[in-house]
Amino acid sequence: MDPDPAAKPTTYTANGYEAYYGPVEIDEAKNTFTITVESSLVRDLIGQKLVRKFQVTEDQLVILPADPSEGWRVTYERF
């Protein structure tokens, strides 16, 4: 994130690339986790709580949005 709040958007922030970090709370009963965004390339995400669903099978982790209409998923495989 550019520390200057008046900084103009970059190609990444304007075209949908997101990078953020913050503490994570896991709810294993619901197969969800919540990230409280401390910093982000997309300044409007700071302070938001992002809820994500997850599925774990053998060597695969799938992360999905809590709202299926967002239409994305990320898959990680252990080799």
C-alpha atoms as a PDB file:
ATOM      1  CA  MET A   1       0.000   0.000   0.000  1.00  0.00           C
ATOM      2  CA  ASP A   2       1.231   3.460  -0.753  1.00  0.00           C
ATOM      3  CA  PRO A   3       1.449   5.275   2.602  1.00  0.00           C
ATOM      4  CA  ASP A   4       0.162   8.445   0.949  1.00  0.00           C
ATOM      5  CA  PRO A   5      -3.673   8.451   1.273  1.00  0.00           C
ATOM      6  CA  ALA A   6      -3.840  10.790  -1.736  1.00  0.00           C
ATOM      7  CA  ALA A   7      -1.889   8.389  -3.984  1.00  0.00           C
ATOM      8  CA  LYS A   8      -3.580   7.543  -7.268  1.00  0.00           C
ATOM      9  CA  PRO A   9      -4.636   3.938  -7.948  1.00  0.00           C
ATOM     10  CA  THR A  10      -2.099   1.701  -9.653  1.00  0.00           C
ATOM     11  CA  THR A  11      -2.718  -0.857 -12.388  1.00  0.00           C
ATOM     12  CA  TYR A  12      -3.023  -3.511  -9.685  1.00  0.00           C
ATOM     13  CA  THR A  13      -5.507  -1.678  -7.473  1.00  0.00           C
ATOM     14  CA  ALA A  14      -7.591  -0.468 -10.422  1.00  0.00           C
ATOM     15  CA  ASN A  15      -7.815  -3.837 -12.196  1.00  0.00           C
ATOM     16  CA  GLY A  16      -8.812  -6.135  -9.384  1.00  0.00           C
ATOM     17  CA  TYR A  17      -5.543  -7.385  -7.898  1.00  0.00           C
ATOM     18  CA  GLU A  18      -5.851  -7.618  -4.128  1.00  0.00           C
ATOM     19  CA  ALA A  19      -3.123  -8.135  -1.577  1.00  0.00           C
ATOM     20  CA  TYR A  20      -3.857  -7.771   2.105  1.00  0.00           C
ATOM     21  CA  TYR A  21      -2.957  -9.116   5.505  1.00  0.00           C
ATOM     22  CA  GLY A  22      -4.301  -9.242   9.004  1.00  0.00           C
ATOM     23  CA  PRO A  23      -5.207 -11.631  11.803  1.00  0.00           C
ATOM     24  CA  VAL A  24      -7.292 -14.687  10.943  1.00  0.00           C
ATOM     25  CA  GLU A  25     -10.019 -16.351  12.999  1.00  0.00           C
ATOM     26  CA  ILE A  26     -11.016 -19.899  11.987  1.00  0.00           C
ATOM     27  CA  ASP A  27     -14.458 -21.404  12.566  1.00  0.00           C
ATOM     28  CA  GLU A  28     -13.940 -25.109  11.893  1.00  0.00           C
ATOM     29  CA  ALA A  29     -17.603 -25.944  12.564  1.00  0.00           C
ATOM     30  CA  LYS A  30     -18.701 -23.672   9.693  1.00  0.00           C
ATOM     31  CA  ASN A  31     -15.597 -24.273   7.522  1.00  0.00           C
ATOM     32  CA  THR A  32     -14.983 -20.528   7.380  1.00  0.00           C
ATOM     33  CA  PHE A  33     -12.250 -18.116   8.327  1.00  0.00           C
ATOM     34  CA  THR A  34     -12.386 -14.363   8.802  1.00  0.00           C
ATOM     35  CA  ILE A  35      -9.514 -12.009   8.004  1.00  0.00           C
ATOM     36  CA  THR A  36      -9.560  -8.565   9.626  1.00  0.00           C
ATOM     37  CA  VAL A  37      -7.643  -6.473   7.081  1.00  0.00           C
ATOM     38  CA  GLU A  38      -4.854  -4.412   8.673  1.00  0.00           C
ATOM     39  CA  SER A  39      -3.261  -3.255   5.417  1.00  0.00           C
ATOM     40  CA  SER A  40      -4.035  -3.705   1.744  1.00  0.00           C
ATOM     41  CA  LEU A  41      -3.215  -2.514  -1.760  1.00  0.00           C
ATOM     42  CA  VAL A  42      -6.913  -1.640  -1.924  1.00  0.00           C
ATOM     43  CA  ARG A  43      -7.210   1.010   0.780  1.00  0.00           C
ATOM     44  CA  ASP A  44     -11.005   0.561   1.125  1.00  0.00           C
ATOM     45  CA  LEU A  45     -10.454  -2.977   2.466  1.00  0.00           C
ATOM     46  CA  ILE A  46      -8.598  -1.762   5.569  1.00  0.00           C
ATOM     47  CA  GLY A  47     -10.646  -2.497   8.671  1.00  0.00           C
ATOM     48  CA  GLN A  48     -13.054  -4.831   6.875  1.00  0.00           C
ATOM     49  CA  LYS A  49     -13.682  -8.384   7.979  1.00  0.00           C
ATOM     50  CA  LEU A  50     -13.499 -10.721   4.985  1.00  0.00           C
ATOM     51  CA  VAL A  51     -15.251 -14.067   5.477  1.00  0.00           C
ATOM     52  CA  ARG A  52     -14.062 -16.959   3.336  1.00  0.00           C
ATOM     53  CA  LYS A  53     -15.202 -20.574   3.113  1.00  0.00           C
ATOM     54  CA  PHE A  54     -12.685 -23.366   2.900  1.00  0.00           C
ATOM     55  CA  GLN A  55     -12.665 -27.044   1.940  1.00  0.00           C
ATOM     56  CA  VAL A  56      -9.806 -29.394   2.790  1.00  0.00           C
ATOM     57  CA  THR A  57      -9.395 -32.790   1.137  1.00  0.00           C
ATOM     58  CA  GLU A  58      -6.305 -34.989   1.243  1.00  0.00           C
ATOM     59  CA  ASP A  59      -3.732 -32.717  -0.465  1.00  0.00           C
ATOM     60  CA  GLN A  60      -5.973 -29.845  -1.535  1.00  0.00           C
ATOM     61  CA  LEU A  61      -7.212 -26.604   0.034  1.00  0.00           C
ATOM     62  CA  VAL A  62     -10.000 -24.704  -1.738  1.00  0.00           C
ATOM     63  CA  ILE A  63     -10.901 -21.157  -0.667  1.00  0.00           C
ATOM     64  CA  LEU A  64     -14.235 -19.665  -1.733  1.00  0.00           C
ATOM     65  CA  PRO A  65     -16.101 -16.430  -1.063  1.00  0.00           C
ATOM     66  CA  ALA A  66     -18.877 -16.535   1.556  1.00  0.00           C
ATOM     67  CA  ASP A  67     -21.142 -15.078  -1.148  1.00  0.00           C
ATOM     68  CA  PRO A  68     -21.155 -17.492  -4.138  1.00  0.00           C
ATOM     69  CA  SER A  69     -22.261 -14.694  -6.491  1.00  0.00           C
ATOM     70  CA  GLU A  70     -18.703 -13.293  -6.285  1.00  0.00           C
ATOM     71  CA  GLY A  71     -17.762 -16.149  -8.624  1.00  0.00           C
ATOM     72  CA  TRP A  72     -14.164 -16.959  -7.727  1.00  0.00           C
ATOM     73  CA  ARG A  73     -12.206 -19.755  -6.064  1.00  0.00           C
ATOM     74  CA  VAL A  74      -8.570 -20.472  -5.237  1.00  0.00           C
ATOM     75  CA  THR A  75      -7.136 -23.985  -5.093  1.00  0.00           C
ATOM     76  CA  TYR A  76      -3.845 -24.963  -3.462  1.00  0.00           C
ATOM     77  CA  GLU A  77      -2.348 -28.431  -3.843  1.00  0.00           C
ATOM     78  CA  ARG A  78       0.350 -30.020  -1.726  1.00  0.00           C
ATOM     79  CA  PHE A  79       3.028 -31.815  -3.749  1.00  0.00           C
END
